[in-house]
């Protein structure tokens, strides 16, 4: 009888440890918005199946947790950058330059958010740019300074955030259809300029 109880206690301990570990991993996946079908192109990550019927369970749970409504497959695609093109995480003490050609889309937005998905509060009351309002170079490219202090041209203020992410939404684009073959050159580059 004692051997049966010892075996049952071991089984119960292993089952509890497995449940706790599984819940912890699921919590991390949901908090970080990780999905099985993520597509990476340089610093940008997209989940092209989020707006479709074939969304994976972790991505569905992350969306339910955040309350975000994903773009449908026919509407567009969202990309998130948590760091620069060199692979380093964003540092709010540093200035960044987002530059490149306009992404292949009828309309796009680039916004600055906290890691939880909220817009970043700042004194300039500017949270992002759209393809309709951005100042462009003669060749059609653009450059957006992401910094605490005001910059000439296109400036996106970091505000008082300790951490931030950039979200690029492409509307009416065909990138979603070929997202698995997407390369970094099709999206803006993010370069660290200087740090204070």
N, C-alpha and C. Protein backbone atom coordinates (compact mmCIF):
# COMPACT_ATOMS: atom_id res chain seq x y z
N UNK A 1 0.83 -1.20 0.00
CA UNK A 1 0.00 0.00 0.00
C UNK A 1 0.87 1.27 0.00
N UNK A 2 1.97 1.19 0.79
CA UNK A 2 2.85 2.34 0.89
C UNK A 2 3.52 2.62 -0.47
N UNK A 3 3.85 1.57 -1.21
CA UNK A 3 4.47 1.73 -2.53
C UNK A 3 3.49 2.37 -3.51
N UNK A 4 2.21 1.98 -3.41
CA UNK A 4 1.18 2.56 -4.29
C UNK A 4 1.00 4.04 -3.98
N UNK A 5 0.99 4.40 -2.71
CA UNK A 5 0.85 5.81 -2.32
C UNK A 5 2.06 6.62 -2.77
N UNK A 6 3.26 6.04 -2.65
CA UNK A 6 4.47 6.74 -3.09
C UNK A 6 4.43 6.96 -4.60
N UNK A 7 4.01 5.95 -5.36
CA UNK A 7 3.90 6.08 -6.81
C UNK A 7 2.85 7.12 -7.18
N UNK A 8 1.72 7.10 -6.48
CA UNK A 8 0.67 8.08 -6.73
C UNK A 8 1.15 9.49 -6.41
N UNK A 9 1.90 9.66 -5.33
CA UNK A 9 2.43 10.97 -4.95
C UNK A 9 3.41 11.48 -6.02
N UNK A 10 4.28 10.58 -6.54
CA UNK A 10 5.20 10.97 -7.61
C UNK A 10 4.44 11.38 -8.86
N UNK A 11 3.43 10.58 -9.21
CA UNK A 11 2.61 10.90 -10.38
C UNK A 11 1.95 12.26 -10.22
N UNK A 12 1.38 12.51 -9.05
CA UNK A 12 0.71 13.78 -8.77
C UNK A 12 1.69 14.94 -8.83
N UNK A 13 2.90 14.74 -8.30
CA UNK A 13 3.92 15.78 -8.33
C UNK A 13 4.33 16.10 -9.77
N UNK A 14 4.57 15.07 -10.58
CA UNK A 14 4.95 15.27 -11.97
C UNK A 14 3.82 15.94 -12.76
N UNK A 15 2.57 15.52 -12.52
CA UNK A 15 1.42 16.11 -13.21
C UNK A 15 1.27 17.59 -12.84
N UNK A 16 1.44 17.92 -11.58
CA UNK A 16 1.35 19.32 -11.14
C UNK A 16 2.47 20.16 -11.74
N UNK A 17 3.69 19.61 -11.74
CA UNK A 17 4.82 20.34 -12.32
C UNK A 17 4.59 20.56 -13.81
N UNK A 18 4.09 19.55 -14.51
CA UNK A 18 3.80 19.68 -15.94
C UNK A 18 2.71 20.72 -16.20
N UNK A 19 1.67 20.73 -15.36
CA UNK A 19 0.58 21.70 -15.53
C UNK A 19 1.09 23.13 -15.29
N UNK A 20 1.90 23.31 -14.24
CA UNK A 20 2.43 24.64 -13.94
C UNK A 20 3.35 25.11 -15.06
N UNK A 21 4.22 24.22 -15.54
CA UNK A 21 5.13 24.58 -16.63
C UNK A 21 4.34 24.90 -17.90
N UNK A 22 3.34 24.09 -18.21
CA UNK A 22 2.51 24.33 -19.40
C UNK A 22 1.77 25.66 -19.31
N UNK A 23 1.20 25.97 -18.16
CA UNK A 23 0.50 27.24 -17.99
C UNK A 23 1.46 28.42 -18.08
N UNK A 24 2.67 28.27 -17.55
CA UNK A 24 3.68 29.33 -17.62
C UNK A 24 4.08 29.59 -19.07
N UNK A 25 4.34 28.55 -19.83
CA UNK A 25 4.72 28.71 -21.24
C UNK A 25 3.57 29.32 -22.03
N UNK A 26 2.35 28.87 -21.78
CA UNK A 26 1.19 29.44 -22.47
C UNK A 26 1.03 30.92 -22.13
N UNK A 27 1.23 31.27 -20.86
CA UNK A 27 1.14 32.67 -20.44
C UNK A 27 2.19 33.52 -21.15
N UNK A 28 3.43 33.03 -21.24
CA UNK A 28 4.47 33.78 -21.95
C UNK A 28 4.12 33.96 -23.42
N UNK A 29 3.62 32.90 -24.05
CA UNK A 29 3.26 32.99 -25.47
C UNK A 29 2.14 34.00 -25.68
N UNK A 30 1.18 34.02 -24.79
CA UNK A 30 0.05 34.95 -24.93
C UNK A 30 0.49 36.38 -24.67
N UNK A 31 1.29 36.59 -23.62
CA UNK A 31 1.76 37.94 -23.30
C UNK A 31 2.62 38.52 -24.41
N UNK A 32 3.44 37.69 -25.04
CA UNK A 32 4.35 38.18 -26.07
C UNK A 32 3.73 38.15 -27.46
N UNK A 33 2.50 37.62 -27.59
CA UNK A 33 1.84 37.61 -28.88
C UNK A 33 2.50 36.68 -29.89
N UNK A 34 3.07 35.60 -29.41
CA UNK A 34 3.77 34.66 -30.27
C UNK A 34 2.77 33.72 -30.94
N UNK A 35 3.01 33.43 -32.20
CA UNK A 35 2.19 32.49 -32.93
C UNK A 35 3.05 31.50 -33.68
N UNK A 36 2.45 30.40 -34.11
CA UNK A 36 3.20 29.36 -34.83
C UNK A 36 3.59 29.79 -36.23
N UNK A 37 2.79 30.65 -36.85
CA UNK A 37 2.99 30.98 -38.26
C UNK A 37 3.60 32.36 -38.45
N UNK A 38 4.46 32.78 -37.54
CA UNK A 38 5.09 34.09 -37.64
C UNK A 38 6.03 34.14 -38.84
N UNK A 39 6.01 35.27 -39.54
CA UNK A 39 6.90 35.52 -40.67
C UNK A 39 7.79 36.68 -40.28
N UNK A 40 9.10 36.49 -40.39
CA UNK A 40 10.05 37.54 -40.02
C UNK A 40 10.75 38.07 -41.26
N UNK A 41 10.89 39.38 -41.30
CA UNK A 41 11.62 40.06 -42.37
C UNK A 41 12.45 41.15 -41.71
N UNK A 42 13.69 40.82 -41.38
CA UNK A 42 14.53 41.75 -40.64
C UNK A 42 13.95 41.96 -39.25
N UNK A 43 13.77 43.21 -38.81
CA UNK A 43 13.23 43.45 -37.48
C UNK A 43 11.71 43.29 -37.40
N UNK A 44 11.07 43.11 -38.53
CA UNK A 44 9.61 43.06 -38.58
C UNK A 44 9.09 41.62 -38.49
N UNK A 45 8.03 41.43 -37.70
CA UNK A 45 7.39 40.13 -37.56
C UNK A 45 5.91 40.29 -37.83
N UNK A 46 5.36 39.39 -38.63
CA UNK A 46 3.93 39.41 -38.94
C UNK A 46 3.33 38.04 -38.69
N UNK A 47 2.05 38.03 -38.42
CA UNK A 47 1.28 36.79 -38.28
C UNK A 47 0.19 36.84 -39.34
N UNK A 48 0.51 36.44 -40.58
CA UNK A 48 -0.45 36.62 -41.68
C UNK A 48 -1.73 35.81 -41.55
N UNK A 49 -1.74 34.81 -40.70
CA UNK A 49 -2.97 34.01 -40.55
C UNK A 49 -3.88 34.52 -39.44
N UNK A 50 -3.49 35.60 -38.77
CA UNK A 50 -4.30 36.11 -37.66
C UNK A 50 -5.71 36.51 -38.09
N UNK A 51 -5.88 37.02 -39.27
CA UNK A 51 -7.20 37.45 -39.72
C UNK A 51 -7.93 36.40 -40.54
N UNK A 52 -7.51 35.13 -40.42
CA UNK A 52 -8.12 34.06 -41.22
C UNK A 52 -8.69 32.98 -40.32
N UNK A 53 -9.32 32.01 -40.95
CA UNK A 53 -9.86 30.87 -40.19
C UNK A 53 -8.77 29.93 -39.71
N UNK A 54 -7.57 30.00 -40.28
CA UNK A 54 -6.50 29.09 -39.91
C UNK A 54 -5.55 29.68 -38.86
N UNK A 55 -6.04 30.59 -38.03
CA UNK A 55 -5.24 31.17 -36.96
C UNK A 55 -4.89 30.08 -35.95
N UNK A 56 -3.65 30.11 -35.42
CA UNK A 56 -3.25 29.08 -34.46
C UNK A 56 -3.78 29.41 -33.07
N UNK A 57 -3.86 28.41 -32.18
CA UNK A 57 -4.47 28.63 -30.86
C UNK A 57 -3.77 29.68 -30.00
N UNK A 58 -2.42 29.73 -30.06
CA UNK A 58 -1.71 30.72 -29.25
C UNK A 58 -1.99 32.14 -29.74
N UNK A 59 -2.00 32.33 -31.05
CA UNK A 59 -2.31 33.66 -31.60
C UNK A 59 -3.74 34.05 -31.28
N UNK A 60 -4.67 33.10 -31.34
CA UNK A 60 -6.07 33.39 -30.99
C UNK A 60 -6.17 33.80 -29.52
N UNK A 61 -5.45 33.10 -28.64
CA UNK A 61 -5.47 33.43 -27.21
C UNK A 61 -4.84 34.80 -26.96
N UNK A 62 -3.74 35.11 -27.67
CA UNK A 62 -3.09 36.42 -27.51
C UNK A 62 -4.01 37.54 -27.95
N UNK A 63 -4.74 37.34 -29.04
CA UNK A 63 -5.69 38.36 -29.50
C UNK A 63 -6.84 38.52 -28.51
N UNK A 64 -7.33 37.41 -27.97
CA UNK A 64 -8.40 37.50 -26.98
C UNK A 64 -7.92 38.22 -25.73
N UNK A 65 -6.68 37.97 -25.34
CA UNK A 65 -6.11 38.61 -24.16
C UNK A 65 -5.93 40.11 -24.36
N UNK A 66 -5.45 40.50 -25.55
CA UNK A 66 -5.18 41.93 -25.80
C UNK A 66 -6.43 42.70 -26.21
N UNK A 67 -7.42 42.01 -26.75
CA UNK A 67 -8.62 42.69 -27.23
C UNK A 67 -8.45 43.29 -28.61
N UNK A 68 -7.32 43.03 -29.24
CA UNK A 68 -7.03 43.58 -30.57
C UNK A 68 -7.85 42.85 -31.63
N UNK A 69 -8.29 43.61 -32.61
CA UNK A 69 -8.96 43.02 -33.76
C UNK A 69 -7.95 42.94 -34.90
N UNK A 70 -7.64 41.73 -35.37
CA UNK A 70 -6.65 41.63 -36.45
C UNK A 70 -7.24 42.06 -37.78
N UNK A 71 -6.36 42.47 -38.67
CA UNK A 71 -6.80 42.79 -40.03
C UNK A 71 -7.16 41.48 -40.73
N UNK A 72 -8.26 41.49 -41.47
CA UNK A 72 -8.62 40.33 -42.25
C UNK A 72 -7.63 40.13 -43.39
N UNK A 73 -7.57 38.91 -43.92
CA UNK A 73 -6.60 38.60 -44.97
C UNK A 73 -6.79 39.51 -46.18
N UNK A 74 -8.01 39.92 -46.47
CA UNK A 74 -8.25 40.77 -47.63
C UNK A 74 -8.07 42.26 -47.30
N UNK A 75 -7.93 42.59 -46.02
CA UNK A 75 -7.78 43.99 -45.60
C UNK A 75 -6.34 44.46 -45.57
N UNK A 76 -5.45 43.60 -45.11
CA UNK A 76 -4.06 44.00 -45.01
C UNK A 76 -3.28 43.12 -44.07
N UNK A 77 -2.16 43.64 -43.60
CA UNK A 77 -1.24 42.87 -42.77
C UNK A 77 -0.53 43.80 -41.81
N UNK A 78 -0.33 43.34 -40.57
CA UNK A 78 0.38 44.12 -39.55
C UNK A 78 1.75 43.51 -39.29
N UNK A 79 2.75 44.38 -39.16
CA UNK A 79 4.10 43.97 -38.81
C UNK A 79 4.49 44.66 -37.51
N UNK A 80 5.17 43.94 -36.63
CA UNK A 80 5.63 44.50 -35.36
C UNK A 80 7.15 44.43 -35.32
N UNK A 81 7.77 45.54 -34.89
CA UNK A 81 9.22 45.57 -34.68
C UNK A 81 9.48 45.84 -33.21
N UNK A 82 10.25 44.96 -32.58
CA UNK A 82 10.62 45.12 -31.17
C UNK A 82 12.07 45.55 -31.02
N UNK A 83 12.75 45.72 -32.17
CA UNK A 83 14.14 46.13 -32.15
C UNK A 83 14.56 46.65 -33.51
N UNK A 84 15.83 47.01 -33.63
CA UNK A 84 16.32 47.58 -34.88
C UNK A 84 16.79 46.50 -35.86
N UNK A 85 17.26 46.93 -37.01
CA UNK A 85 17.66 45.99 -38.06
C UNK A 85 18.92 45.20 -37.71
N UNK A 86 19.67 45.62 -36.71
CA UNK A 86 20.86 44.86 -36.29
C UNK A 86 20.49 43.74 -35.33
N UNK A 87 19.24 43.72 -34.88
CA UNK A 87 18.78 42.67 -33.97
C UNK A 87 18.73 43.10 -32.51
N UNK A 88 19.19 44.31 -32.19
CA UNK A 88 19.16 44.80 -30.81
C UNK A 88 17.77 45.32 -30.45
N UNK A 89 17.33 45.06 -29.23
CA UNK A 89 16.04 45.56 -28.75
C UNK A 89 16.06 47.08 -28.70
N UNK A 90 14.87 47.69 -28.87
CA UNK A 90 14.78 49.14 -28.78
C UNK A 90 15.19 49.61 -27.38
N UNK A 91 15.95 50.68 -27.33
CA UNK A 91 16.37 51.31 -26.09
C UNK A 91 15.82 52.73 -26.11
N UNK A 92 14.95 53.11 -25.17
CA UNK A 92 14.35 54.44 -25.21
C UNK A 92 15.34 55.58 -25.01
N UNK A 93 16.58 55.27 -24.62
CA UNK A 93 17.61 56.31 -24.49
C UNK A 93 18.27 56.60 -25.83
N UNK A 94 17.91 55.82 -26.85
CA UNK A 94 18.55 55.96 -28.16
C UNK A 94 17.58 56.56 -29.18
N UNK A 95 18.16 57.14 -30.22
CA UNK A 95 17.39 57.66 -31.36
C UNK A 95 17.50 56.65 -32.49
N UNK A 96 16.41 56.50 -33.23
CA UNK A 96 16.36 55.54 -34.33
C UNK A 96 15.89 56.25 -35.60
N UNK A 97 16.23 55.67 -36.73
CA UNK A 97 15.79 56.18 -38.02
C UNK A 97 15.12 55.03 -38.77
N UNK A 98 13.84 55.21 -39.08
CA UNK A 98 13.08 54.24 -39.88
C UNK A 98 13.06 54.81 -41.30
N UNK A 99 13.64 54.08 -42.23
CA UNK A 99 13.76 54.63 -43.58
C UNK A 99 13.59 53.56 -44.64
N UNK A 100 13.30 54.02 -45.84
CA UNK A 100 13.18 53.10 -46.97
C UNK A 100 12.15 53.60 -47.95
N UNK A 101 11.80 52.74 -48.86
CA UNK A 101 10.75 53.05 -49.82
C UNK A 101 9.40 52.73 -49.19
N UNK A 102 8.37 53.31 -49.76
CA UNK A 102 7.03 53.02 -49.28
C UNK A 102 6.73 51.54 -49.50
N UNK A 103 6.21 50.87 -48.49
CA UNK A 103 5.86 49.46 -48.65
C UNK A 103 4.81 49.29 -49.75
N UNK A 104 4.78 48.14 -50.41
CA UNK A 104 3.80 47.93 -51.47
C UNK A 104 2.39 47.76 -50.91
N UNK A 105 1.70 48.88 -50.76
CA UNK A 105 0.34 48.88 -50.23
C UNK A 105 -0.37 50.15 -50.71
N UNK A 106 -1.69 50.08 -50.75
CA UNK A 106 -2.44 51.27 -51.14
C UNK A 106 -2.33 52.35 -50.06
N UNK A 107 -2.28 51.92 -48.80
CA UNK A 107 -2.23 52.84 -47.67
C UNK A 107 -1.49 52.13 -46.55
N UNK A 108 -0.70 52.86 -45.75
CA UNK A 108 -0.03 52.25 -44.62
C UNK A 108 0.07 53.23 -43.46
N UNK A 109 0.25 52.68 -42.27
CA UNK A 109 0.46 53.47 -41.06
C UNK A 109 1.65 52.91 -40.30
N UNK A 110 2.38 53.78 -39.63
CA UNK A 110 3.47 53.38 -38.74
C UNK A 110 3.20 54.06 -37.41
N UNK A 111 3.00 53.27 -36.35
CA UNK A 111 2.66 53.84 -35.04
C UNK A 111 3.59 53.29 -33.97
N UNK A 112 3.74 54.08 -32.92
CA UNK A 112 4.58 53.73 -31.78
C UNK A 112 3.68 53.31 -30.63
N UNK A 113 3.95 52.14 -30.06
CA UNK A 113 3.11 51.58 -28.99
C UNK A 113 3.98 51.13 -27.82
N UNK A 114 3.34 50.98 -26.67
CA UNK A 114 4.00 50.31 -25.55
C UNK A 114 3.98 48.81 -25.88
N UNK A 115 4.80 47.99 -25.22
CA UNK A 115 4.79 46.56 -25.51
C UNK A 115 3.42 45.90 -25.28
N UNK A 116 2.59 46.51 -24.44
CA UNK A 116 1.25 45.95 -24.21
C UNK A 116 0.26 46.34 -25.30
N UNK A 117 0.69 47.19 -26.25
CA UNK A 117 -0.17 47.55 -27.38
C UNK A 117 -0.85 48.89 -27.27
N UNK A 118 -0.62 49.62 -26.19
CA UNK A 118 -1.24 50.94 -26.01
C UNK A 118 -0.43 52.00 -26.74
N UNK A 119 -1.10 53.02 -27.25
CA UNK A 119 -0.39 54.13 -27.87
C UNK A 119 0.45 54.85 -26.82
N UNK A 120 1.61 55.33 -27.22
CA UNK A 120 2.53 56.00 -26.31
C UNK A 120 2.11 57.46 -26.15
N UNK A 121 1.90 57.86 -24.90
CA UNK A 121 1.55 59.26 -24.61
C UNK A 121 2.80 60.12 -24.73
N UNK A 122 2.63 61.29 -25.35
CA UNK A 122 3.75 62.22 -25.46
C UNK A 122 3.20 63.63 -25.59
N UNK A 123 4.04 64.62 -25.30
CA UNK A 123 3.61 66.02 -25.31
C UNK A 123 3.24 66.51 -26.71
N UNK A 124 3.85 65.95 -27.73
CA UNK A 124 3.55 66.37 -29.11
C UNK A 124 2.22 65.80 -29.61
N UNK A 125 1.67 64.84 -28.87
CA UNK A 125 0.40 64.18 -29.23
C UNK A 125 0.47 63.58 -30.63
N UNK A 126 1.62 63.01 -30.97
CA UNK A 126 1.80 62.32 -32.25
C UNK A 126 2.13 60.88 -31.94
N UNK A 127 1.33 59.98 -32.48
CA UNK A 127 1.54 58.56 -32.24
C UNK A 127 1.98 57.79 -33.48
N UNK A 128 1.92 58.43 -34.64
CA UNK A 128 2.31 57.71 -35.83
C UNK A 128 2.20 58.57 -37.08
N UNK A 129 2.49 57.92 -38.19
CA UNK A 129 2.40 58.54 -39.51
C UNK A 129 1.59 57.65 -40.43
N UNK A 130 0.99 58.27 -41.44
CA UNK A 130 0.30 57.52 -42.48
C UNK A 130 0.98 57.80 -43.81
N UNK A 131 0.72 56.96 -44.79
CA UNK A 131 1.32 57.17 -46.10
C UNK A 131 0.80 58.44 -46.76
N UNK A 132 -0.33 58.95 -46.30
CA UNK A 132 -0.90 60.16 -46.89
C UNK A 132 -0.25 61.43 -46.35
N UNK A 133 0.35 61.39 -45.17
CA UNK A 133 0.87 62.61 -44.55
C UNK A 133 2.39 62.67 -44.43
N UNK A 134 3.07 61.61 -44.75
CA UNK A 134 4.51 61.55 -44.55
C UNK A 134 5.26 62.44 -45.55
N UNK A 135 6.32 63.09 -45.11
CA UNK A 135 7.18 63.85 -46.00
C UNK A 135 8.12 62.86 -46.68
N UNK A 136 8.20 62.93 -48.01
CA UNK A 136 8.99 61.97 -48.77
C UNK A 136 10.15 62.67 -49.49
N UNK A 137 11.15 61.87 -49.81
CA UNK A 137 12.26 62.36 -50.64
C UNK A 137 11.78 62.39 -52.09
N UNK A 138 12.54 63.02 -52.95
CA UNK A 138 12.16 63.14 -54.36
C UNK A 138 11.99 61.78 -55.03
N UNK A 139 12.77 60.79 -54.59
CA UNK A 139 12.69 59.45 -55.19
C UNK A 139 11.54 58.62 -54.62
N UNK A 140 10.82 59.15 -53.63
CA UNK A 140 9.67 58.45 -53.06
C UNK A 140 9.92 57.79 -51.72
N UNK A 141 11.18 57.69 -51.32
CA UNK A 141 11.49 57.10 -50.02
C UNK A 141 11.17 58.05 -48.89
N UNK A 142 11.27 57.57 -47.68
CA UNK A 142 10.99 58.40 -46.51
C UNK A 142 11.95 58.07 -45.40
N UNK A 143 12.02 58.96 -44.41
CA UNK A 143 12.82 58.74 -43.20
C UNK A 143 12.05 59.31 -42.03
N UNK A 144 11.89 58.50 -40.98
CA UNK A 144 11.18 58.93 -39.77
C UNK A 144 12.13 58.80 -38.60
N UNK A 145 12.36 59.91 -37.90
CA UNK A 145 13.19 59.89 -36.69
C UNK A 145 12.31 59.47 -35.51
N UNK A 146 12.75 58.46 -34.78
CA UNK A 146 12.07 58.00 -33.56
C UNK A 146 12.98 58.40 -32.41
N UNK A 147 12.58 59.43 -31.65
CA UNK A 147 13.47 59.99 -30.63
C UNK A 147 12.67 60.73 -29.57
N UNK A 148 13.30 60.98 -28.43
CA UNK A 148 12.66 61.76 -27.36
C UNK A 148 12.57 63.24 -27.73
N UNK A 149 13.66 63.79 -28.25
CA UNK A 149 13.71 65.20 -28.59
C UNK A 149 13.24 65.43 -30.03
N UNK A 150 12.65 66.60 -30.27
CA UNK A 150 12.11 66.94 -31.58
C UNK A 150 13.20 66.93 -32.65
N UNK A 151 12.84 66.46 -33.82
CA UNK A 151 13.74 66.41 -34.98
C UNK A 151 13.04 67.06 -36.17
N UNK A 152 13.80 67.65 -37.09
CA UNK A 152 13.16 68.22 -38.29
C UNK A 152 12.63 67.10 -39.17
N UNK A 153 11.61 67.41 -39.95
CA UNK A 153 11.04 66.41 -40.85
C UNK A 153 10.06 65.50 -40.13
N UNK A 154 10.09 64.24 -40.47
CA UNK A 154 9.19 63.26 -39.85
C UNK A 154 9.76 62.82 -38.51
N UNK A 155 9.08 63.18 -37.42
CA UNK A 155 9.55 62.85 -36.08
C UNK A 155 8.45 62.13 -35.32
N UNK A 156 8.80 60.99 -34.74
CA UNK A 156 7.88 60.21 -33.92
C UNK A 156 8.42 60.21 -32.49
N UNK A 157 7.76 60.93 -31.55
CA UNK A 157 8.30 61.05 -30.19
C UNK A 157 8.09 59.78 -29.36
N UNK A 158 9.13 59.40 -28.64
CA UNK A 158 9.07 58.22 -27.77
C UNK A 158 8.27 58.53 -26.51
N UNK A 159 8.27 59.76 -26.07
CA UNK A 159 7.58 60.10 -24.83
C UNK A 159 8.37 59.60 -23.64
N UNK A 160 7.67 59.25 -22.57
CA UNK A 160 8.34 58.81 -21.34
C UNK A 160 8.37 57.30 -21.20
N UNK A 161 8.09 56.58 -22.27
CA UNK A 161 8.06 55.12 -22.21
C UNK A 161 9.45 54.55 -21.92
N UNK A 162 9.47 53.50 -21.13
CA UNK A 162 10.73 52.79 -20.88
C UNK A 162 10.97 51.75 -21.97
N UNK A 163 9.89 51.23 -22.56
CA UNK A 163 9.99 50.27 -23.66
C UNK A 163 8.95 50.64 -24.69
N UNK A 164 9.23 50.31 -25.95
CA UNK A 164 8.26 50.60 -27.00
C UNK A 164 8.43 49.62 -28.15
N UNK A 165 7.43 49.56 -29.00
CA UNK A 165 7.47 48.77 -30.23
C UNK A 165 6.93 49.64 -31.36
N UNK A 166 7.23 49.26 -32.58
CA UNK A 166 6.68 49.93 -33.75
C UNK A 166 5.76 48.96 -34.46
N UNK A 167 4.61 49.45 -34.91
CA UNK A 167 3.66 48.62 -35.66
C UNK A 167 3.44 49.26 -37.02
N UNK A 168 3.71 48.49 -38.05
CA UNK A 168 3.51 48.91 -39.44
C UNK A 168 2.32 48.12 -39.98
N UNK A 169 1.27 48.85 -40.37
CA UNK A 169 0.08 48.19 -40.93
C UNK A 169 -0.01 48.55 -42.41
N UNK A 170 -0.09 47.52 -43.23
CA UNK A 170 -0.23 47.70 -44.67
C UNK A 170 -1.66 47.36 -45.05
N UNK A 171 -2.37 48.31 -45.64
CA UNK A 171 -3.76 48.10 -46.04
C UNK A 171 -3.85 47.88 -47.54
N UNK A 172 -4.70 46.98 -47.93
CA UNK A 172 -4.91 46.66 -49.34
C UNK A 172 -3.57 46.36 -50.01
N UNK A 173 -2.93 45.32 -49.50
CA UNK A 173 -1.62 44.92 -50.01
C UNK A 173 -1.66 43.47 -50.45
N UNK A 174 -0.78 43.11 -51.33
CA UNK A 174 -0.69 41.72 -51.76
C UNK A 174 0.42 40.99 -51.02
N UNK A 175 1.06 41.65 -50.06
CA UNK A 175 2.13 41.00 -49.30
C UNK A 175 1.58 39.80 -48.54
N UNK A 176 0.35 39.88 -48.03
CA UNK A 176 -0.22 38.78 -47.27
C UNK A 176 -0.25 37.48 -48.05
N UNK A 177 -0.47 37.57 -49.34
CA UNK A 177 -0.53 36.37 -50.18
C UNK A 177 0.85 35.74 -50.36
N UNK A 178 1.89 36.55 -50.25
CA UNK A 178 3.25 36.03 -50.43
C UNK A 178 4.09 36.22 -49.18
N UNK A 179 3.44 36.30 -48.02
CA UNK A 179 4.14 36.62 -46.77
C UNK A 179 5.21 35.60 -46.43
N UNK A 180 5.04 34.36 -46.83
CA UNK A 180 6.03 33.35 -46.50
C UNK A 180 7.34 33.57 -47.25
N UNK A 181 7.30 34.33 -48.34
CA UNK A 181 8.50 34.58 -49.13
C UNK A 181 8.98 36.03 -48.97
N UNK A 182 8.50 36.72 -47.97
CA UNK A 182 8.82 38.13 -47.78
C UNK A 182 10.28 38.30 -47.38
N UNK A 183 10.92 39.30 -47.95
CA UNK A 183 12.30 39.58 -47.55
C UNK A 183 12.39 40.97 -46.95
N UNK A 184 13.49 41.19 -46.25
CA UNK A 184 13.70 42.42 -45.49
C UNK A 184 13.70 43.67 -46.36
N UNK A 185 14.11 43.57 -47.60
CA UNK A 185 14.22 44.74 -48.46
C UNK A 185 12.88 45.35 -48.82
N UNK A 186 11.79 44.63 -48.63
CA UNK A 186 10.47 45.14 -48.96
C UNK A 186 9.89 46.04 -47.86
N UNK A 187 10.53 46.04 -46.69
CA UNK A 187 10.04 46.80 -45.54
C UNK A 187 11.08 47.83 -45.10
N UNK A 188 10.65 48.86 -44.38
CA UNK A 188 11.59 49.89 -43.94
C UNK A 188 12.69 49.33 -43.03
N UNK A 189 13.85 49.95 -43.13
CA UNK A 189 14.99 49.58 -42.30
C UNK A 189 14.94 50.44 -41.03
N UNK A 190 15.37 49.86 -39.91
CA UNK A 190 15.39 50.59 -38.64
C UNK A 190 16.84 50.61 -38.16
N UNK A 191 17.42 51.81 -38.09
CA UNK A 191 18.83 51.95 -37.69
C UNK A 191 18.94 52.77 -36.41
N UNK A 192 19.79 52.32 -35.51
CA UNK A 192 20.10 53.09 -34.30
C UNK A 192 21.04 54.21 -34.71
N UNK A 193 20.68 55.46 -34.36
CA UNK A 193 21.47 56.61 -34.75
C UNK A 193 22.45 57.01 -33.65
N UNK A 194 21.94 57.21 -32.45
CA UNK A 194 22.79 57.59 -31.32
C UNK A 194 22.07 57.30 -30.02
N UNK A 195 22.82 57.27 -28.92
CA UNK A 195 22.23 57.03 -27.60
C UNK A 195 22.72 58.09 -26.63
N UNK A 196 21.86 58.44 -25.68
CA UNK A 196 22.27 59.47 -24.68
C UNK A 196 22.66 58.82 -23.38
